[in-house]
Amino acid sequence: MKMKRLVILLSCVFFVAFLGVLPRNGMGADRITLNWASMLPKTSTETIAFQKVFIDRINEKAKGQVSINYRGGPEVIGQFDLGAAVQKGIVDIATVSVGFYEALVPGNGAAMLSELTPQEERKPGGAYSYLDEMHNKAGLKYLGKAAPSKDLFFFCYTKKKVLTQKDFSGFRIGCSTGSRAAVEGWGAAVTNVKIADYYSAMERGLVDAICGVPLDVWVSLGAHEVTKFVIDHPYYVSTAVVIMNLNSWNKLPKDLQNLFTDAMVEYEKEKIPMEQKQREEARQKMINAKIEFYKLAPEVATWYVKTAYSAAWDYQQKRFPEVTAKLKDLLTKK
């Protein structure tokens, strides 16, 4: 009996020792499971690219230490609820427009007015650090840009041409939060429209135009089918960013935090040519569909773009004077 007990005891010791030297392979308590959601549908070019270039890469490089699962788009969590969902830990990570959760991070909407590349924003003491500091106060971690591009981002898609400043007066333009100040600055009538409703709003004639979103997102929504013209003077950079629950971030070991940061930097670099290619393809698809891209007269074009920026900065300053001046300094080319 004593020998049998000794054998059993030694077997247990060897088994525990064996478990102790097993690598972290995603089994058991060592595996960290995170969830992410998108403000855009799963079929959107933005959602597909983020999954492939950022999420899949982390899941692969983490070697079982972490698993990030997709939980859905706006059909699961509404666009204006995403920020709070991340803050509360309902999901850990989200790609979301800054305007959709500005109530949590007052003043963050100024990020869309940046004149810098993501790499320039990440310089020590730069815009990225300040935006991250602002997010931390709300229990969020600012990871970076979800849709960086070397070109300006927003277009105005219309059912009829507007050619002069006077034409904009009374013109019914639908938009989300990001373009509201610009639309008001142009003197147009603003109609709040969710991204998912852009197609139906144009099709049913609820608006004369929609301002916001880049060309590839417009095509992915199928909204080019109800578009006749595009004002070919883009403005702003993408309002889409990547945020994370701060507690979820703090619970990551340092090596995984570094992995996330490095993967985000790589994503921002790689996404720029991807964005360019997707938008060129979307433009050609729209041209093939007989949609006319047209230019405004030089003086009207200057007014149109400058007003978009000045109106947005004025709007930010009135609402968030405590942060806007510093953000404008950090986000403007010297």
Protein backbone atom coordinates (compact mmCIF):
# COMPACT_ATOMS: atom_id res chain seq x y z
CA MET A 1 0.00 0.00 0.00
CA LYS A 2 2.79 2.39 0.90
CA MET A 3 4.47 1.77 -2.45
CA LYS A 4 1.18 2.34 -4.29
CA ARG A 5 0.63 5.65 -2.48
CA LEU A 6 4.19 6.71 -3.27
CA VAL A 7 3.67 5.97 -6.96
CA ILE A 8 0.42 7.97 -6.99
CA LEU A 9 2.09 10.89 -5.16
CA LEU A 10 5.05 10.94 -7.53
CA SER A 11 2.69 10.79 -10.51
CA CYS A 12 0.82 13.84 -9.24
CA VAL A 13 4.06 15.74 -8.68
CA PHE A 14 5.30 14.97 -12.19
CA PHE A 15 1.91 15.95 -13.67
CA VAL A 16 1.86 19.31 -11.87
CA ALA A 17 5.47 19.95 -12.90
CA PHE A 18 4.58 19.10 -16.49
CA LEU A 19 1.70 21.59 -16.45
CA GLY A 20 3.99 24.22 -15.06
CA VAL A 21 6.31 24.12 -18.03
CA LEU A 22 3.57 24.08 -20.67
CA PRO A 23 3.62 27.20 -22.87
CA ARG A 24 0.68 29.60 -22.75
CA ASN A 25 -1.32 28.14 -25.58
CA GLY A 26 -4.76 29.65 -25.08
CA MET A 27 -5.98 26.88 -22.77
CA GLY A 28 -7.07 27.64 -19.23
CA ALA A 29 -6.83 30.80 -17.15
CA ASP A 30 -3.80 32.28 -18.89
CA ARG A 31 -5.73 33.01 -22.06
CA ILE A 32 -7.17 36.53 -22.26
CA THR A 33 -10.37 36.85 -24.28
CA LEU A 34 -11.38 40.28 -25.61
CA ASN A 35 -14.34 41.35 -27.73
CA TRP A 36 -14.52 44.06 -30.37
CA ALA A 37 -17.32 45.78 -32.28
CA SER A 38 -17.54 48.16 -35.23
CA MET A 39 -19.66 51.19 -36.04
CA LEU A 40 -19.88 49.86 -39.61
CA PRO A 41 -21.36 46.58 -40.92
CA LYS A 42 -19.21 43.47 -41.15
CA THR A 43 -19.17 43.80 -44.96
CA SER A 44 -17.72 47.33 -44.86
CA THR A 45 -14.20 47.74 -46.27
CA GLU A 46 -13.19 49.42 -43.00
CA THR A 47 -14.38 46.52 -40.82
CA ILE A 48 -12.78 43.92 -43.08
CA ALA A 49 -9.44 45.74 -43.13
CA PHE A 50 -9.33 46.22 -39.35
CA GLN A 51 -10.11 42.55 -38.75
CA LYS A 52 -7.45 41.39 -41.20
CA VAL A 53 -4.62 43.83 -40.54
CA PHE A 54 -4.99 44.48 -36.80
CA ILE A 55 -7.15 41.86 -35.04
CA ASP A 56 -5.95 38.77 -36.94
CA ARG A 57 -2.34 39.88 -36.63
CA ILE A 58 -2.57 40.24 -32.85
CA ASN A 59 -4.36 36.90 -32.51
CA GLU A 60 -1.55 35.28 -34.49
CA LYS A 61 1.41 37.00 -32.85
CA ALA A 62 0.06 36.60 -29.31
CA LYS A 63 0.53 32.83 -29.68
CA GLY A 64 -2.46 31.93 -27.57
CA GLN A 65 -2.02 34.58 -24.88
CA VAL A 66 -4.98 36.57 -26.16
CA SER A 67 -7.97 36.03 -28.41
CA ILE A 68 -9.98 38.96 -29.82
CA ASN A 69 -13.44 38.08 -31.11
CA TYR A 70 -15.73 40.12 -33.36
CA ARG A 71 -19.14 40.76 -31.78
CA GLY A 72 -20.89 42.73 -34.52
CA GLY A 73 -21.62 46.06 -36.12
CA PRO A 74 -24.33 48.70 -35.64
CA GLU A 75 -27.02 46.00 -35.70
CA VAL A 76 -25.65 44.78 -32.34
CA ILE A 77 -24.56 48.03 -30.67
CA GLY A 78 -25.79 51.36 -32.00
CA GLN A 79 -23.16 53.80 -33.25
CA PHE A 80 -23.89 56.34 -30.53
CA ASP A 81 -23.78 53.62 -27.86
CA LEU A 82 -20.39 52.18 -28.82
CA GLY A 83 -18.27 54.52 -26.72
CA ALA A 84 -20.30 53.79 -23.59
CA ALA A 85 -20.23 50.07 -24.38
CA VAL A 86 -16.42 50.16 -24.38
CA GLN A 87 -16.31 52.33 -21.26
CA LYS A 88 -18.57 49.87 -19.40
CA GLY A 89 -16.69 46.81 -20.66
CA ILE A 90 -19.60 45.39 -22.66
CA VAL A 91 -17.02 45.13 -25.43
CA ASP A 92 -13.31 45.76 -24.94
CA ILE A 93 -12.39 47.39 -28.26
CA ALA A 94 -14.30 49.38 -30.88
CA THR A 95 -13.76 51.21 -34.13
CA VAL A 96 -15.96 54.26 -33.78
CA SER A 97 -16.29 57.85 -34.93
CA VAL A 98 -15.04 60.41 -32.42
CA GLY A 99 -18.31 62.31 -32.65
CA PHE A 100 -20.30 59.30 -31.49
CA TYR A 101 -18.83 59.36 -27.97
CA GLU A 102 -17.82 63.01 -27.55
CA ALA A 103 -19.98 63.20 -24.43
CA LEU A 104 -17.49 60.86 -22.76
CA VAL A 105 -14.35 62.58 -24.06
CA PRO A 106 -15.27 66.25 -24.48
CA GLY A 107 -13.39 67.86 -27.36
CA ASN A 108 -12.17 64.66 -29.02
CA GLY A 109 -14.05 65.62 -32.21
CA ALA A 110 -11.16 67.93 -33.11
CA ALA A 111 -9.15 64.85 -34.12
CA MET A 112 -10.86 64.92 -37.54
CA LEU A 113 -9.34 68.36 -38.20
CA SER A 114 -5.78 67.08 -37.99
CA GLU A 115 -3.30 68.20 -40.64
CA LEU A 116 -0.74 65.60 -39.57
CA THR A 117 -0.06 61.98 -40.41
CA PRO A 118 -0.63 59.39 -37.67
CA GLN A 119 3.15 59.02 -37.40
CA GLU A 120 3.54 62.77 -36.81
CA GLU A 121 0.78 62.69 -34.19
CA ARG A 122 2.67 59.95 -32.31
CA LYS A 123 5.81 62.04 -31.74
CA PRO A 124 6.62 62.42 -28.01
CA GLY A 125 4.42 65.05 -26.40
CA GLY A 126 2.27 65.25 -29.52
CA ALA A 127 -1.41 64.94 -30.33
CA TYR A 128 -1.59 61.19 -29.72
CA SER A 129 -0.35 61.52 -26.13
CA TYR A 130 -2.80 64.31 -25.37
CA LEU A 131 -5.74 62.45 -26.92
CA ASP A 132 -4.81 59.35 -24.94
CA GLU A 133 -4.69 61.43 -21.75
CA MET A 134 -8.17 62.79 -22.53
CA HIS A 135 -9.50 59.28 -23.10
CA ASN A 136 -7.93 57.92 -19.91
CA LYS A 137 -10.04 60.33 -17.86
CA ALA A 138 -13.12 58.59 -19.26
CA GLY A 139 -11.86 55.08 -18.57
CA LEU A 140 -10.78 54.57 -22.17
CA LYS A 141 -7.52 53.85 -23.95
CA TYR A 142 -6.94 55.67 -27.25
CA LEU A 143 -5.20 53.20 -29.57
CA GLY A 144 -5.08 55.23 -32.79
CA LYS A 145 -6.65 55.96 -36.18
CA ALA A 146 -8.98 53.35 -37.68
CA ALA A 147 -8.95 54.78 -41.20
CA PRO A 148 -5.81 56.87 -41.78
CA SER A 149 -5.27 58.30 -45.26
CA LYS A 150 -2.88 60.63 -47.04
CA ASP A 151 -5.90 62.35 -48.63
CA LEU A 152 -8.79 64.27 -47.16
CA PHE A 153 -11.74 62.12 -46.36
CA PHE A 154 -15.27 63.54 -46.47
CA PHE A 155 -17.26 64.13 -49.65
CA CYS A 156 -20.68 65.57 -50.34
CA TYR A 157 -22.95 63.27 -52.40
CA THR A 158 -25.89 65.00 -54.04
CA LYS A 159 -29.00 64.47 -56.17
CA LYS A 160 -28.65 67.88 -57.81
CA LYS A 161 -25.81 70.31 -58.41
CA VAL A 162 -24.97 73.18 -56.11
CA LEU A 163 -22.59 75.68 -57.69
CA THR A 164 -22.67 78.89 -55.63
CA GLN A 165 -22.71 79.86 -51.97
CA LYS A 166 -26.33 80.90 -52.41
CA ASP A 167 -27.23 77.42 -53.69
CA PHE A 168 -26.31 75.96 -50.31
CA SER A 169 -28.88 78.10 -48.51
CA GLY A 170 -31.80 75.84 -47.70
CA PHE A 171 -30.17 72.83 -49.37
CA ARG A 172 -31.20 69.80 -47.27
CA ILE A 173 -28.05 67.93 -46.26
CA GLY A 174 -28.04 64.79 -44.16
CA CYS A 175 -25.00 64.03 -42.04
CA SER A 176 -23.75 62.45 -38.85
CA THR A 177 -22.07 64.41 -36.09
CA GLY A 178 -18.75 64.88 -37.88
CA SER A 179 -20.04 67.13 -40.66
CA ARG A 180 -22.70 69.04 -38.77
CA ALA A 181 -20.62 72.18 -38.17
CA ALA A 182 -19.51 72.28 -41.82
CA VAL A 183 -23.07 71.91 -43.12
CA GLU A 184 -24.29 74.68 -40.83
CA GLY A 185 -21.35 76.85 -41.87
CA TRP A 186 -22.37 76.50 -45.52
CA GLY A 187 -25.85 77.72 -44.62
CA ALA A 188 -27.57 74.45 -45.51
CA ALA A 189 -30.42 72.82 -43.61
CA VAL A 190 -29.10 69.99 -41.42
CA THR A 191 -30.83 66.63 -41.10
CA ASN A 192 -29.30 64.10 -38.70
CA VAL A 193 -29.00 60.76 -40.50
CA LYS A 194 -27.35 57.58 -39.25
CA ILE A 195 -24.75 56.03 -41.55
CA ALA A 196 -26.87 52.91 -41.94
CA ASP A 197 -29.75 55.11 -43.21
CA TYR A 198 -27.81 57.10 -45.83
CA TYR A 199 -29.14 55.02 -48.72
CA SER A 200 -32.80 55.22 -47.71
CA ALA A 201 -32.61 58.95 -46.92
CA MET A 202 -31.31 59.66 -50.44
CA GLU A 203 -33.64 57.18 -52.13
CA ARG A 204 -36.77 58.53 -50.43
CA GLY A 205 -35.82 62.16 -51.04
CA LEU A 206 -35.64 63.02 -47.35
CA VAL A 207 -32.46 64.96 -48.13
CA ASP A 208 -30.90 66.58 -51.20
CA ALA A 209 -27.43 65.39 -50.25
CA ILE A 210 -25.38 63.49 -47.70
CA CYS A 211 -22.05 64.81 -46.43
CA GLY A 212 -19.55 62.59 -44.61
CA VAL A 213 -17.96 59.17 -45.24
CA PRO A 214 -15.29 58.44 -47.87
CA LEU A 215 -15.94 57.11 -51.36
CA ASP A 216 -15.32 53.44 -50.56
CA VAL A 217 -17.71 53.44 -47.60
CA TRP A 218 -20.35 55.18 -49.74
CA VAL A 219 -20.05 52.43 -52.35
CA SER A 220 -20.01 49.65 -49.73
CA LEU A 221 -23.34 51.01 -48.43
CA GLY A 222 -24.72 50.82 -51.98
CA ALA A 223 -25.58 54.53 -51.71
CA HIS A 224 -23.91 55.32 -55.05
CA GLU A 225 -27.01 53.77 -56.64
CA VAL A 226 -29.06 56.80 -55.50
CA THR A 227 -26.39 59.44 -56.20
CA LYS A 228 -26.10 61.70 -59.24
CA PHE A 229 -23.26 64.08 -58.32
CA VAL A 230 -20.25 64.36 -56.00
CA ILE A 231 -18.72 67.70 -55.01
CA ASP A 232 -15.08 66.89 -55.68
CA HIS A 233 -13.55 68.92 -52.85
CA PRO A 234 -12.93 66.61 -49.86
CA TYR A 235 -12.38 67.92 -46.34
CA TYR A 236 -11.26 66.54 -42.93
CA VAL A 237 -9.45 63.32 -42.17
CA SER A 238 -11.28 60.24 -40.96
CA THR A 239 -13.22 60.55 -37.72
CA ALA A 240 -12.86 56.80 -37.13
CA VAL A 241 -10.58 55.79 -34.26
CA VAL A 242 -9.86 52.69 -32.20
CA ILE A 243 -10.63 52.82 -28.49
CA MET A 244 -10.28 50.25 -25.74
CA ASN A 245 -11.62 49.82 -22.22
CA LEU A 246 -8.90 51.17 -19.92
CA ASN A 247 -9.30 48.40 -17.34
CA SER A 248 -8.96 45.79 -20.09
CA TRP A 249 -5.82 47.57 -21.29
CA ASN A 250 -4.31 47.79 -17.80
CA LYS A 251 -4.90 44.07 -17.22
CA LEU A 252 -2.78 43.17 -20.24
CA PRO A 253 0.80 42.20 -19.40
CA LYS A 254 3.41 44.63 -20.69
CA ASP A 255 4.41 42.40 -23.60
CA LEU A 256 0.83 42.34 -24.88
CA GLN A 257 0.46 46.10 -24.44
CA ASN A 258 3.58 46.51 -26.57
CA LEU A 259 2.15 44.08 -29.13
CA PHE A 260 -1.08 46.09 -29.35
CA THR A 261 0.81 49.37 -29.73
CA ASP A 262 3.17 48.00 -32.37
CA ALA A 263 0.28 46.40 -34.26
CA MET A 264 -1.60 49.70 -34.23
CA VAL A 265 1.40 51.60 -35.59
CA GLU A 266 1.82 48.98 -38.32
CA TYR A 267 -1.89 49.13 -39.10
CA GLU A 268 -1.83 52.92 -39.47
CA LYS A 269 1.08 52.69 -41.92
CA GLU A 270 -0.34 49.81 -43.97
CA LYS A 271 -3.87 51.16 -44.06
CA ILE A 272 -2.89 54.34 -45.91
CA PRO A 273 -2.15 52.68 -49.29
CA MET A 274 -5.09 50.33 -48.73
CA GLU A 275 -7.38 53.32 -48.22
CA GLN A 276 -5.97 54.99 -51.34
CA LYS A 277 -6.55 51.91 -53.49
CA GLN A 278 -10.06 51.34 -52.18
CA ARG A 279 -11.06 54.95 -52.82
CA GLU A 280 -9.62 54.98 -56.32
CA GLU A 281 -11.57 51.80 -57.09
CA ALA A 282 -14.73 53.29 -55.57
CA ARG A 283 -14.33 56.49 -57.58
CA GLN A 284 -13.97 54.52 -60.81
CA LYS A 285 -17.01 52.40 -59.95
CA MET A 286 -19.04 55.57 -59.41
CA ILE A 287 -17.78 57.10 -62.66
CA ASN A 288 -18.72 53.89 -64.47
CA ALA A 289 -22.19 54.26 -62.96
CA LYS A 290 -22.44 57.71 -64.65
CA ILE A 291 -22.07 59.66 -61.42
CA GLU A 292 -20.50 63.06 -62.09
CA PHE A 293 -17.63 64.33 -59.94
CA TYR A 294 -17.54 68.08 -60.39
CA LYS A 295 -15.45 71.03 -59.23
CA LEU A 296 -16.74 74.30 -57.86
CA ALA A 297 -15.45 77.62 -59.13
CA PRO A 298 -12.09 78.41 -57.42
CA GLU A 299 -13.48 81.10 -55.11
CA VAL A 300 -16.45 78.94 -54.14
CA ALA A 301 -14.21 75.91 -53.59
CA THR A 302 -11.95 77.94 -51.28
CA TRP A 303 -14.96 79.15 -49.30
CA TYR A 304 -16.41 75.63 -49.16
CA VAL A 305 -13.30 73.96 -47.70
CA LYS A 306 -12.16 76.83 -45.46
CA THR A 307 -15.64 77.16 -44.02
CA ALA A 308 -15.72 73.44 -43.21
CA TYR A 309 -12.61 73.89 -41.05
CA SER A 310 -13.29 77.30 -39.52
CA ALA A 311 -16.86 76.33 -38.62
CA ALA A 312 -15.68 73.10 -37.00
CA TRP A 313 -12.92 74.79 -34.99
CA ASP A 314 -15.35 77.52 -33.87
CA TYR A 315 -17.84 74.85 -32.86
CA GLN A 316 -15.17 73.02 -30.84
CA GLN A 317 -13.97 76.23 -29.19
CA LYS A 318 -17.47 77.22 -28.08
CA ARG A 319 -18.20 73.82 -26.57
CA PHE A 320 -14.79 72.76 -25.26
CA PRO A 321 -12.60 75.83 -24.68
CA GLU A 322 -10.47 74.02 -22.08
CA VAL A 323 -8.96 71.60 -24.65
CA THR A 324 -9.54 73.05 -28.12
CA ALA A 325 -6.69 75.57 -28.18
CA LYS A 326 -4.14 72.89 -27.27
CA LEU A 327 -5.59 70.39 -29.75
CA LYS A 328 -5.52 72.98 -32.51
CA ASP A 329 -1.86 73.67 -31.75
CA LEU A 330 -0.98 69.97 -31.70
CA LEU A 331 -2.99 69.03 -34.83
CA THR A 332 -2.05 71.95 -37.10
CA LYS A 333 1.06 72.00 -39.28
CA LYS A 334 3.53 74.58 -38.06
